[in-house]
């Protein structure tokens, strides 16, 4: 399975921040994933930002952040649906509710394209309809 350029960029940024404590420059990302042009990296970064998978502080250098956080308050028993993306191009779809201060995973979940214990490089919430659509597709 081929890993998309966006997933490679997210994985590179997450690893770079873990190792260096700051985010990489466009040139460092291009060199790190084998792109010849920073322009193509910039286009992918803008797409990832528009999808909510990346954010940055305007006007501040080295401020890229991979958005992997989940906002759920303790005791909030609303069901949350997540899409996790791994560095190796895999996807994991799951559902949880907060019980006191811990998430309790429930309902069906499914994974696709997972080949190993790749790092989670992105996490986004899903609507009930999107989650149901994924479950219909993968659990039939």
Protein backbone atom coordinates (compact mmCIF):
# COMPACT_ATOMS: atom_id res chain seq x y z
CA UNK A 1 0.00 0.00 0.00
CA UNK A 2 1.38 3.38 -1.01
CA UNK A 3 1.44 6.01 1.75
CA UNK A 4 0.05 9.37 0.61
CA UNK A 5 2.22 12.47 0.52
CA UNK A 6 0.02 14.04 3.19
CA UNK A 7 0.53 11.09 5.55
CA UNK A 8 4.28 11.16 4.90
CA UNK A 9 4.35 14.88 5.67
CA UNK A 10 2.32 14.44 8.87
CA UNK A 11 4.58 11.59 10.01
CA UNK A 12 7.71 13.61 9.24
CA UNK A 13 6.44 16.68 11.11
CA UNK A 14 5.36 14.63 14.14
CA UNK A 15 8.72 12.83 14.29
CA UNK A 16 10.71 16.02 13.78
CA UNK A 17 8.85 17.78 16.61
CA UNK A 18 9.39 14.76 18.91
CA UNK A 19 13.14 14.78 18.18
CA UNK A 20 13.82 18.52 18.04
CA UNK A 21 11.11 20.22 20.09
CA UNK A 22 10.21 22.54 17.19
CA UNK A 23 8.50 22.04 13.86
CA UNK A 24 10.51 21.68 10.64
CA UNK A 25 10.80 24.28 7.90
CA UNK A 26 9.31 23.62 4.46
CA UNK A 27 12.82 22.92 3.14
CA UNK A 28 13.47 20.39 5.94
CA UNK A 29 10.15 18.66 5.18
CA UNK A 30 10.95 18.54 1.45
CA UNK A 31 14.40 17.08 2.11
CA UNK A 32 13.05 14.68 4.74
CA UNK A 33 10.45 13.10 2.48
CA UNK A 34 12.36 13.37 -0.79
CA UNK A 35 10.53 16.23 -2.53
CA UNK A 36 12.54 18.47 -4.84
CA UNK A 37 10.28 21.48 -4.37
CA UNK A 38 9.12 23.34 -1.27
CA UNK A 39 6.17 24.54 -3.38
CA UNK A 40 4.62 21.07 -3.48
CA UNK A 41 5.20 20.69 0.27
CA UNK A 42 3.47 24.04 0.78
CA UNK A 43 0.42 22.90 -1.24
CA UNK A 44 0.14 19.71 0.85
CA UNK A 45 0.56 21.70 4.08
CA UNK A 46 -2.24 24.08 3.04
CA UNK A 47 -4.50 21.11 2.25
CA UNK A 48 -3.75 19.52 5.63
CA UNK A 49 -4.47 22.82 7.37
CA UNK A 50 -7.79 23.19 5.52
CA UNK A 51 -8.74 19.65 6.66
CA UNK A 52 -7.85 20.51 10.27
CA UNK A 53 -5.01 17.98 10.48
CA UNK A 54 -2.36 20.70 10.84
CA UNK A 55 -2.40 24.16 12.36
CA UNK A 56 0.13 26.94 12.81
CA UNK A 57 0.50 30.35 14.38
CA UNK A 58 0.31 33.01 11.66
CA UNK A 59 3.50 35.01 11.30
CA UNK A 60 5.50 32.70 13.57
CA UNK A 61 8.28 30.50 12.20
CA UNK A 62 8.39 26.78 13.01
CA UNK A 63 4.89 26.75 14.47
CA UNK A 64 3.31 23.78 12.67
CA UNK A 65 1.34 21.50 14.98
CA UNK A 66 -0.12 18.09 14.13
CA UNK A 67 -3.68 18.17 15.50
CA UNK A 68 -4.12 14.92 17.36
CA UNK A 69 -6.01 16.18 20.37
CA UNK A 70 -9.49 15.12 21.34
CA UNK A 71 -11.65 17.55 23.25
CA UNK A 72 -13.96 15.67 25.57
CA UNK A 73 -14.84 16.83 29.07
CA UNK A 74 -14.90 14.39 32.00
CA UNK A 75 -18.42 13.13 32.56
CA UNK A 76 -19.51 14.11 29.03
CA UNK A 77 -21.39 10.99 27.98
CA UNK A 78 -21.79 12.13 24.40
CA UNK A 79 -20.60 9.50 21.99
CA UNK A 80 -17.53 10.67 20.06
CA UNK A 81 -16.40 9.10 16.79
CA UNK A 82 -12.76 9.23 15.74
CA UNK A 83 -10.66 8.63 12.67
CA UNK A 84 -7.02 7.95 13.52
CA UNK A 85 -4.38 7.94 10.79
CA UNK A 86 -1.10 6.10 11.28
CA UNK A 87 2.30 6.94 9.85
CA UNK A 88 2.21 3.79 7.71
CA UNK A 89 -0.98 4.88 5.93
CA UNK A 90 -3.42 2.92 8.08
CA UNK A 91 -6.78 4.07 9.38
CA UNK A 92 -8.57 3.24 12.60
CA UNK A 93 -12.19 4.22 13.20
CA UNK A 94 -13.62 3.99 16.70
CA UNK A 95 -16.17 5.40 19.11
CA UNK A 96 -15.97 6.39 22.79
CA UNK A 97 -17.71 8.19 25.64
CA UNK A 98 -16.07 9.83 28.65
CA UNK A 99 -16.63 8.05 31.97
CA UNK A 100 -15.40 10.26 34.78
CA UNK A 101 -11.98 11.25 33.44
CA UNK A 102 -11.25 8.23 31.20
CA UNK A 103 -12.47 7.41 27.71
CA UNK A 104 -14.52 4.23 27.44
CA UNK A 105 -14.37 2.76 23.96
CA UNK A 106 -17.57 1.16 22.78
CA UNK A 107 -19.40 0.00 19.73
CA UNK A 108 -17.84 -1.45 16.62
CA UNK A 109 -14.47 -0.28 15.37
CA UNK A 110 -12.54 -1.08 12.26
CA UNK A 111 -9.05 -0.71 10.87
CA UNK A 112 -7.75 -0.64 7.34
CA UNK A 113 -4.28 -0.59 5.90
CA UNK A 114 -2.53 -1.14 9.24
CA UNK A 115 0.73 -2.98 8.73
CA UNK A 116 2.43 -2.51 12.06
CA UNK A 117 2.46 -0.47 15.19
CA UNK A 118 2.80 2.84 13.34
CA UNK A 119 2.57 6.08 15.25
CA UNK A 120 -0.77 7.87 15.27
CA UNK A 121 -0.05 11.01 13.27
CA UNK A 122 -3.51 12.52 12.98
CA UNK A 123 -6.83 12.30 14.71
CA UNK A 124 -10.07 13.91 13.69
CA UNK A 125 -13.59 13.63 14.96
CA UNK A 126 -16.31 12.26 12.73
CA UNK A 127 -20.01 12.99 12.54
CA UNK A 128 -22.46 10.24 13.44
CA UNK A 129 -23.34 9.91 9.74
CA UNK A 130 -19.70 9.60 8.61
CA UNK A 131 -18.96 7.01 11.31
CA UNK A 132 -22.09 5.00 10.38
CA UNK A 133 -21.07 5.11 6.71
CA UNK A 134 -17.59 3.73 7.52
CA UNK A 135 -19.07 0.99 9.71
CA UNK A 136 -21.51 0.03 6.96
CA UNK A 137 -18.68 -0.16 4.43
CA UNK A 138 -16.20 -2.15 6.53
CA UNK A 139 -18.40 -4.34 8.70
CA UNK A 140 -20.52 -5.93 5.96
